[in-house]
């Protein structure tokens, strides 16, 4: 049976001609080589995801060109089965039991004085949690993970031995340790462990009487699927975390994640609607107040604005993305190395895609120097995209000078 699905190249040519653009004009607008675009239109070259995004945005195709590019890139003979590709079936860690065992091993069995002992230890563990989050900005995740896992089990073990009056706040703190452990596992490149710890965070939160944090773990799971390139799962998970009964901050963070999922496949209208919703929720007084550790980022002063810059790049609007990210990255604290790298490389990528190659290299050059201290599997995804983008400008001296450092940073991630 002959497929009726239009091919990317001919569809791109049709949309370009409908827009009244010559190939020369189109190549200049996109900052791509005319000969390369001609081969793409003839089906002699495959469009990269970056090119598909840019064409889609420039021609107003609302994601259709990106979907065609994805169909072309997907080979049914090599695609994993749904069961093989699924990340959701992670074995339960039985954190509570493990935590109790850790306490016994350390000689901290609390007996009849459990209530007062737990109450006195909680502030100390809360301070440790804050310090570990700060360390996460300037320390390799693999270095932190063993300590985070131990502390999570330790606090969960305290809850197992505590009377009802102190059990709930202890379980909730343990859930925050577990959620952060999952984030560091993802940064270390272990998505399965990230999902496992995220599941434990939800279970601990429910045991502590807080169903809200369990909903936030949907946002964290959506981040795993986002970096796996699964836009549909990202949107579905993010929407589940936006029901009206949840706190505004969780709903706002979920709306941001939904926007990123829509941007991944060029659904601009849905993306912008989600961003508007996120901005409204995160700016509310209810979202800015609340006890306990802040859910989500603590270093981005305007998360909705930063996410807008992030999404604009995926929507094929690199110049608009660069303008937003320039402004928002200047507001990041100097000590937040991991956060600065995360958004800084996307900023560099946006400038490179806009043709501002020397400026992109200057931004990346500063950031590459800190990557050995804060290696990140998620940030590396944008570094790889930057390397591909810059490879189009091999004659640039700035690109040639940057290549050795780029290769050194990416080498461990490609092993």
Protein backbone atom coordinates (compact mmCIF):
# COMPACT_ATOMS: atom_id res chain seq x y z
CA UNK A 1 0.00 0.00 0.00
CA UNK A 2 1.37 3.43 -0.95
CA UNK A 3 1.61 5.86 1.96
CA UNK A 4 -0.52 9.00 1.71
CA UNK A 5 1.58 10.81 4.35
CA UNK A 6 3.32 13.77 2.66
CA UNK A 7 7.11 13.69 2.66
CA UNK A 8 9.07 16.41 4.46
CA UNK A 9 11.03 17.78 1.48
CA UNK A 10 8.11 18.26 -0.94
CA UNK A 11 5.91 19.64 1.84
CA UNK A 12 8.63 22.11 2.80
CA UNK A 13 8.94 23.24 -0.84
CA UNK A 14 5.14 23.61 -1.13
CA UNK A 15 4.90 25.74 2.02
CA UNK A 16 7.88 27.88 1.01
CA UNK A 17 6.42 28.56 -2.43
CA UNK A 18 2.99 29.32 -0.93
CA UNK A 19 4.75 31.92 1.23
CA UNK A 20 6.17 33.51 -1.93
CA UNK A 21 9.80 32.88 -0.97
CA UNK A 22 12.65 31.95 -3.26
CA UNK A 23 15.11 29.38 -2.00
CA UNK A 24 17.72 32.14 -1.65
CA UNK A 25 15.40 34.28 0.47
CA UNK A 26 14.43 31.29 2.57
CA UNK A 27 18.03 30.24 3.22
CA UNK A 28 18.97 33.79 4.26
CA UNK A 29 16.00 34.01 6.63
CA UNK A 30 16.86 30.69 8.29
CA UNK A 31 20.63 31.23 8.24
CA UNK A 32 21.11 27.88 6.44
CA UNK A 33 23.10 27.02 3.33
CA UNK A 34 20.97 27.29 0.16
CA UNK A 35 22.46 24.12 -1.33
CA UNK A 36 21.67 22.12 1.77
CA UNK A 37 18.06 23.34 1.82
CA UNK A 38 17.71 22.47 -1.84
CA UNK A 39 18.84 18.91 -1.15
CA UNK A 40 16.40 18.66 1.76
CA UNK A 41 13.53 19.76 -0.46
CA UNK A 42 14.52 17.16 -3.07
CA UNK A 43 14.73 14.44 -0.44
CA UNK A 44 18.48 13.99 -0.88
CA UNK A 45 19.25 15.09 2.69
CA UNK A 46 17.34 14.50 5.93
CA UNK A 47 16.21 17.54 7.89
CA UNK A 48 17.68 17.84 11.38
CA UNK A 49 15.23 18.47 14.26
CA UNK A 50 16.63 22.00 14.55
CA UNK A 51 15.99 22.74 10.88
CA UNK A 52 12.48 21.26 11.08
CA UNK A 53 11.67 23.50 14.07
CA UNK A 54 12.93 26.61 12.32
CA UNK A 55 11.12 25.89 9.06
CA UNK A 56 7.95 25.08 10.95
CA UNK A 57 8.03 28.34 12.90
CA UNK A 58 8.99 30.54 9.95
CA UNK A 59 6.30 29.09 7.66
CA UNK A 60 3.62 28.90 10.36
CA UNK A 61 3.08 25.13 9.99
CA UNK A 62 2.12 24.71 13.68
CA UNK A 63 4.16 21.55 14.19
CA UNK A 64 3.30 19.71 10.96
CA UNK A 65 6.81 19.89 9.51
CA UNK A 66 8.26 18.71 12.82
CA UNK A 67 5.85 15.78 12.86
CA UNK A 68 6.87 14.84 9.31
CA UNK A 69 10.54 15.00 10.30
CA UNK A 70 9.85 12.73 13.28
CA UNK A 71 8.04 10.19 11.06
CA UNK A 72 11.02 10.12 8.71
CA UNK A 73 13.48 9.65 11.57
CA UNK A 74 11.48 6.78 13.09
CA UNK A 75 12.40 3.39 11.65
CA UNK A 76 9.77 0.80 12.63
CA UNK A 77 12.34 -1.97 12.31
CA UNK A 78 14.53 -0.46 15.02
CA UNK A 79 11.93 1.14 17.28
CA UNK A 80 11.69 -0.45 20.70
CA UNK A 81 8.45 -2.06 21.72
CA UNK A 82 6.32 -0.09 24.20
CA UNK A 83 7.26 -2.51 26.96
CA UNK A 84 10.97 -2.16 26.26
CA UNK A 85 10.81 1.62 26.02
CA UNK A 86 8.75 2.09 29.17
CA UNK A 87 10.49 3.68 32.13
CA UNK A 88 7.63 3.33 34.56
CA UNK A 89 8.10 -0.17 35.93
CA UNK A 90 10.78 0.57 38.52
CA UNK A 91 11.12 -1.78 41.47
CA UNK A 92 10.04 -0.42 44.86
CA UNK A 93 12.97 0.39 47.19
CA UNK A 94 11.12 -0.02 50.49
CA UNK A 95 12.72 3.16 51.81
CA UNK A 96 11.05 3.00 55.19
CA UNK A 97 12.47 -0.42 55.96
CA UNK A 98 15.89 0.53 54.68
CA UNK A 99 15.86 3.69 56.76
CA UNK A 100 15.05 1.79 59.94
CA UNK A 101 17.89 -0.59 59.26
CA UNK A 102 20.31 2.29 58.75
CA UNK A 103 19.32 3.74 62.12
CA UNK A 104 19.89 0.43 63.88
CA UNK A 105 23.30 0.11 62.22
CA UNK A 106 24.25 3.54 63.52
CA UNK A 107 23.08 2.83 67.06
CA UNK A 108 20.31 5.40 66.86
CA UNK A 109 17.39 3.27 68.03
CA UNK A 110 15.29 5.82 69.84
CA UNK A 111 13.09 3.72 72.14
CA UNK A 112 10.60 5.57 74.35
CA UNK A 113 12.27 8.95 73.79
CA UNK A 114 11.58 8.87 70.05
CA UNK A 115 9.24 11.87 70.00
CA UNK A 116 11.61 14.35 71.61
CA UNK A 117 14.65 12.96 69.77
CA UNK A 118 13.00 13.21 66.37
CA UNK A 119 11.76 16.71 67.15
CA UNK A 120 15.28 17.84 68.01
CA UNK A 121 16.84 16.21 64.93
CA UNK A 122 14.38 17.56 62.35
CA UNK A 123 15.81 21.12 62.21
CA UNK A 124 19.26 19.65 61.70
CA UNK A 125 18.09 17.48 58.79
CA UNK A 126 16.20 20.42 57.29
CA UNK A 127 19.39 22.51 57.39
CA UNK A 128 21.26 19.60 55.78
CA UNK A 129 18.66 19.47 53.02
CA UNK A 130 19.13 23.15 52.26
CA UNK A 131 22.90 22.72 52.21
CA UNK A 132 22.71 19.70 49.92
CA UNK A 133 20.56 21.63 47.47
CA UNK A 134 23.21 24.36 47.43
CA UNK A 135 25.94 21.76 46.96
CA UNK A 136 23.99 20.40 44.02
CA UNK A 137 24.72 23.67 42.21
CA UNK A 138 28.48 23.22 42.36
CA UNK A 139 29.13 19.48 42.87
CA UNK A 140 29.10 16.48 40.55
CA UNK A 141 25.82 14.55 41.02
CA UNK A 142 27.59 11.20 41.34
CA UNK A 143 29.49 12.62 44.29
CA UNK A 144 26.30 13.71 46.05
CA UNK A 145 24.13 10.69 45.30
CA UNK A 146 25.49 8.27 47.95
CA UNK A 147 25.08 10.92 50.64
CA UNK A 148 21.58 11.82 49.45
CA UNK A 149 20.47 8.19 49.41
CA UNK A 150 21.80 7.67 52.94
CA UNK A 151 20.14 10.83 54.24
CA UNK A 152 16.82 9.93 52.63
CA UNK A 153 16.83 6.53 54.32
CA UNK A 154 17.97 8.08 57.57
CA UNK A 155 15.11 10.57 57.72
CA UNK A 156 12.59 7.95 56.59
CA UNK A 157 13.91 5.70 59.35
CA UNK A 158 13.31 8.43 61.90
CA UNK A 159 9.70 8.60 60.74
CA UNK A 160 9.28 4.85 61.10
CA UNK A 161 10.23 5.06 64.79
CA UNK A 162 8.49 8.36 65.56
CA UNK A 163 5.13 8.83 67.33
CA UNK A 164 2.25 10.26 65.31
CA UNK A 165 2.92 13.86 66.42
CA UNK A 166 6.28 14.01 64.65
CA UNK A 167 5.91 11.25 62.06
CA UNK A 168 4.13 13.40 59.45
CA UNK A 169 6.68 16.27 59.19
CA UNK A 170 9.51 13.72 59.18
CA UNK A 171 7.95 11.76 56.32
CA UNK A 172 7.43 14.98 54.37
CA UNK A 173 11.07 15.97 54.79
CA UNK A 174 12.10 12.46 53.71
CA UNK A 175 9.97 12.90 50.60
CA UNK A 176 11.84 16.09 49.72
CA UNK A 177 15.17 14.28 50.15
CA UNK A 178 13.89 11.51 47.85
CA UNK A 179 12.67 14.00 45.22
CA UNK A 180 16.04 15.76 45.18
CA UNK A 181 17.85 12.42 45.03
CA UNK A 182 15.81 11.63 41.92
CA UNK A 183 16.86 14.92 40.33
CA UNK A 184 20.54 14.22 40.98
CA UNK A 185 20.12 10.71 39.56
CA UNK A 186 18.73 12.24 36.38
CA UNK A 187 21.62 14.69 36.26
CA UNK A 188 23.95 11.71 36.56
CA UNK A 189 22.27 10.15 33.51
CA UNK A 190 20.26 7.42 35.26
CA UNK A 191 16.64 7.99 34.24
CA UNK A 192 15.47 4.70 35.76
CA UNK A 193 16.87 5.58 39.19
CA UNK A 194 15.43 9.09 38.83
CA UNK A 195 11.95 7.67 38.30
CA UNK A 196 12.42 5.21 41.16
CA UNK A 197 13.35 7.91 43.66
CA UNK A 198 10.60 10.17 42.34
CA UNK A 199 8.10 7.38 43.01
CA UNK A 200 9.45 7.00 46.54
CA UNK A 201 9.04 10.74 47.07
CA UNK A 202 5.36 10.49 46.16
CA UNK A 203 4.84 7.51 48.47
CA UNK A 204 6.56 9.20 51.39
CA UNK A 205 4.56 12.38 50.83
CA UNK A 206 1.28 10.48 50.81
CA UNK A 207 2.28 8.67 54.00
CA UNK A 208 2.97 12.07 55.56
CA UNK A 209 -0.47 13.35 54.60
CA UNK A 210 0.59 15.56 51.68
CA UNK A 211 -0.96 14.53 48.38
CA UNK A 212 0.33 17.74 46.79
CA UNK A 213 3.98 16.73 46.59
CA UNK A 214 2.85 13.48 45.01
CA UNK A 215 1.35 15.60 42.24
CA UNK A 216 4.60 17.54 41.90
CA UNK A 217 6.38 14.26 41.21
CA UNK A 218 4.31 14.13 38.01
CA UNK A 219 6.10 17.33 36.99
CA UNK A 220 9.44 15.70 37.76
CA UNK A 221 8.48 12.58 35.77
CA UNK A 222 7.52 14.88 32.90
CA UNK A 223 11.05 16.28 32.95
CA UNK A 224 12.44 12.78 32.36
CA UNK A 225 10.13 12.29 29.38
CA UNK A 226 10.97 15.78 28.09
CA UNK A 227 14.67 14.97 27.93
CA UNK A 228 13.80 11.64 26.33
CA UNK A 229 12.05 13.60 23.58
CA UNK A 230 8.60 12.19 24.40
CA UNK A 231 6.39 15.25 23.98
CA UNK A 232 3.07 13.39 24.32
CA UNK A 233 4.01 11.85 27.68
CA UNK A 234 5.39 15.18 28.89
CA UNK A 235 2.13 16.98 28.13
CA UNK A 236 -0.03 14.20 29.57
CA UNK A 237 1.90 14.05 32.86
CA UNK A 238 1.98 17.83 33.20
CA UNK A 239 -1.77 18.09 32.67
CA UNK A 240 -2.42 15.57 35.44
CA UNK A 241 -0.63 17.93 37.84
CA UNK A 242 -2.88 20.91 37.04
CA UNK A 243 -6.23 20.09 38.61
CA UNK A 244 -7.87 22.92 40.53
CA UNK A 245 -7.37 21.33 43.95
CA UNK A 246 -3.59 21.63 43.81
CA UNK A 247 -1.52 24.60 45.09
CA UNK A 248 -0.87 27.35 42.50
CA UNK A 249 2.92 26.81 42.51
CA UNK A 250 2.63 23.13 41.56
CA UNK A 251 0.05 23.95 38.88
CA UNK A 252 2.26 26.75 37.56
CA UNK A 253 5.34 24.53 37.36
CA UNK A 254 3.21 21.86 35.66
CA UNK A 255 1.93 24.40 33.13
CA UNK A 256 5.54 25.31 32.33
CA UNK A 257 6.38 21.67 31.71
CA UNK A 258 3.32 21.30 29.49
CA UNK A 259 4.50 24.31 27.49
CA UNK A 260 7.90 22.66 26.98
CA UNK A 261 6.18 19.51 25.75
CA UNK A 262 4.12 21.47 23.22
CA UNK A 263 7.20 23.40 22.08
CA UNK A 264 9.06 20.15 21.45
CA UNK A 265 6.68 19.35 18.57
CA UNK A 266 6.03 22.91 17.39
CA UNK A 267 2.56 23.38 18.86
CA UNK A 268 3.02 27.11 19.29
CA UNK A 269 -0.52 28.15 20.24
CA UNK A 270 -0.82 25.48 22.92
CA UNK A 271 2.66 26.30 24.17
CA UNK A 272 1.95 30.01 24.55
CA UNK A 273 -1.37 29.34 26.26
CA UNK A 274 0.38 27.09 28.78
CA UNK A 275 3.03 29.74 29.40
CA UNK A 276 0.36 32.37 30.04
CA UNK A 277 -1.29 30.04 32.54
CA UNK A 278 2.05 29.32 34.23
CA UNK A 279 2.84 33.02 34.53
CA UNK A 280 -0.53 33.79 36.13
CA UNK A 281 -0.26 30.93 38.62
CA UNK A 282 3.35 31.55 39.62
CA UNK A 283 2.74 35.28 40.10
CA UNK A 284 -0.13 34.69 42.52
CA UNK A 285 0.31 35.48 46.21
CA UNK A 286 -0.53 31.88 47.12
CA UNK A 287 2.31 30.58 44.96
CA UNK A 288 4.82 32.93 46.60
CA UNK A 289 3.87 31.96 50.16
CA UNK A 290 4.08 28.64 51.95
CA UNK A 291 6.02 26.86 54.63
CA UNK A 292 8.86 24.42 54.19
CA UNK A 293 11.42 24.11 51.38
CA UNK A 294 10.42 25.75 48.09
CA UNK A 295 9.14 23.30 45.48
CA UNK A 296 11.05 23.56 42.23
CA UNK A 297 13.86 25.93 41.37
CA UNK A 298 15.10 28.39 43.97
CA UNK A 299 17.59 30.19 41.72
CA UNK A 300 15.46 31.41 38.79
CA UNK A 301 13.72 34.64 39.83
CA UNK A 302 11.07 34.45 37.08
CA UNK A 303 10.59 30.78 36.08
CA UNK A 304 7.83 31.54 33.57
CA UNK A 305 10.00 34.07 31.72
CA UNK A 306 12.98 31.71 31.62
CA UNK A 307 10.80 28.87 30.36
CA UNK A 308 9.43 31.19 27.66
CA UNK A 309 12.98 31.72 26.38
CA UNK A 310 13.57 27.95 26.53
CA UNK A 311 10.40 27.22 24.54
CA UNK A 312 10.96 29.90 21.90
CA UNK A 313 14.10 28.10 20.78
CA UNK A 314 12.24 24.80 20.40
CA UNK A 315 9.51 26.65 18.50
CA UNK A 316 12.09 27.70 15.92
CA UNK A 317 12.37 31.33 17.06
CA UNK A 318 16.03 31.54 18.11
CA UNK A 319 16.36 35.35 17.99
CA UNK A 320 13.37 35.86 20.29
CA UNK A 321 14.71 33.09 22.53
CA UNK A 322 18.14 34.74 22.74
CA UNK A 323 16.62 38.09 23.72
CA UNK A 324 14.65 36.54 26.60
CA UNK A 325 17.45 34.27 27.79
CA UNK A 326 19.99 37.13 27.70
CA UNK A 327 17.82 39.09 30.10
CA UNK A 328 16.91 36.23 32.41
CA UNK A 329 20.39 34.67 32.61
CA UNK A 330 21.79 37.99 33.83
CA UNK A 331 19.51 37.65 36.86
CA UNK A 332 20.89 34.25 37.95
CA UNK A 333 23.06 34.21 41.10
CA UNK A 334 26.78 33.71 40.49
CA UNK A 335 27.03 30.65 42.76
CA UNK A 336 24.29 28.69 40.93
CA UNK A 337 26.68 27.05 38.49
CA UNK A 338 24.37 24.20 37.46
CA UNK A 339 21.46 26.53 36.76
CA UNK A 340 23.70 28.99 34.92
CA UNK A 341 25.00 26.16 32.73
CA UNK A 342 21.50 24.79 32.06
CA UNK A 343 20.08 28.04 30.72
CA UNK A 344 23.37 29.47 29.51
CA UNK A 345 23.97 26.72 26.95
CA UNK A 346 20.45 27.13 25.63
CA UNK A 347 21.19 30.86 25.38
CA UNK A 348 24.37 30.08 23.45
CA UNK A 349 22.42 27.72 21.21
CA UNK A 350 19.85 30.43 20.47
CA UNK A 351 22.56 32.93 19.50
CA UNK A 352 24.28 30.35 17.27
CA UNK A 353 21.00 29.55 15.54
CA UNK A 354 20.48 33.30 15.01
CA UNK A 355 23.81 33.50 13.18
CA UNK A 356 25.60 35.27 16.05
CA UNK A 357 28.31 32.63 16.06
CA UNK A 358 31.12 34.52 17.80
CA UNK A 359 28.82 35.62 20.61
CA UNK A 360 27.52 32.06 20.98
CA UNK A 361 31.09 30.76 21.25
CA UNK A 362 31.98 33.40 23.84
CA UNK A 363 29.02 32.38 26.03
CA UNK A 364 29.76 28.67 25.63
CA UNK A 365 33.47 29.12 26.30
CA UNK A 366 32.80 30.53 29.77
CA UNK A 367 30.31 27.78 30.61
CA UNK A 368 32.42 24.89 29.36
CA UNK A 369 35.02 25.79 31.95
CA UNK A 370 32.63 24.95 34.82
CA UNK A 371 31.22 21.71 33.37
CA UNK A 372 33.89 19.42 34.90
CA UNK A 373 32.73 20.66 38.32
CA UNK A 374 29.01 20.24 37.59
CA UNK A 375 28.66 17.50 34.95
CA UNK A 376 25.08 17.07 33.80
CA UNK A 377 23.49 14.51 31.53
CA UNK A 378 20.59 16.86 30.86
CA UNK A 379 22.73 19.93 30.09
CA UNK A 380 24.85 17.75 27.79
CA UNK A 381 21.83 17.34 25.53
CA UNK A 382 21.99 21.06 24.71
CA UNK A 383 25.78 20.99 24.45
CA UNK A 384 25.49 18.28 21.81
CA UNK A 385 22.91 20.37 19.96
CA UNK A 386 25.25 23.36 20.16
CA UNK A 387 28.11 21.30 18.72
CA UNK A 388 25.91 20.28 15.79
CA UNK A 389 24.77 23.86 15.23
CA UNK A 390 28.32 25.21 15.30
CA UNK A 391 29.52 22.49 12.90
CA UNK A 392 27.72 24.46 10.17
CA UNK A 393 30.19 27.29 10.72
CA UNK A 394 33.51 25.42 10.55
CA UNK A 395 35.25 28.30 8.81
CA UNK A 396 34.70 30.52 11.85
CA UNK A 397 37.84 30.99 13.93
CA UNK A 398 35.75 31.20 17.11
CA UNK A 399 34.18 27.81 16.31
CA UNK A 400 37.55 26.20 15.56
CA UNK A 401 38.97 27.52 18.83
CA UNK A 402 36.02 26.18 20.81
CA UNK A 403 35.92 22.70 19.26
CA UNK A 404 38.62 21.04 21.44
CA UNK A 405 36.93 22.15 24.67
CA UNK A 406 33.52 21.06 23.37
CA UNK A 407 34.93 17.64 22.50
CA UNK A 408 36.52 17.20 25.95
CA UNK A 409 33.25 18.00 27.75
CA UNK A 410 31.17 15.73 25.54
CA UNK A 411 33.60 12.81 25.45
CA UNK A 412 32.54 11.27 28.81
CA UNK A 413 28.85 11.58 27.87
CA UNK A 414 29.43 9.66 24.63
CA UNK A 415 31.29 6.75 26.20
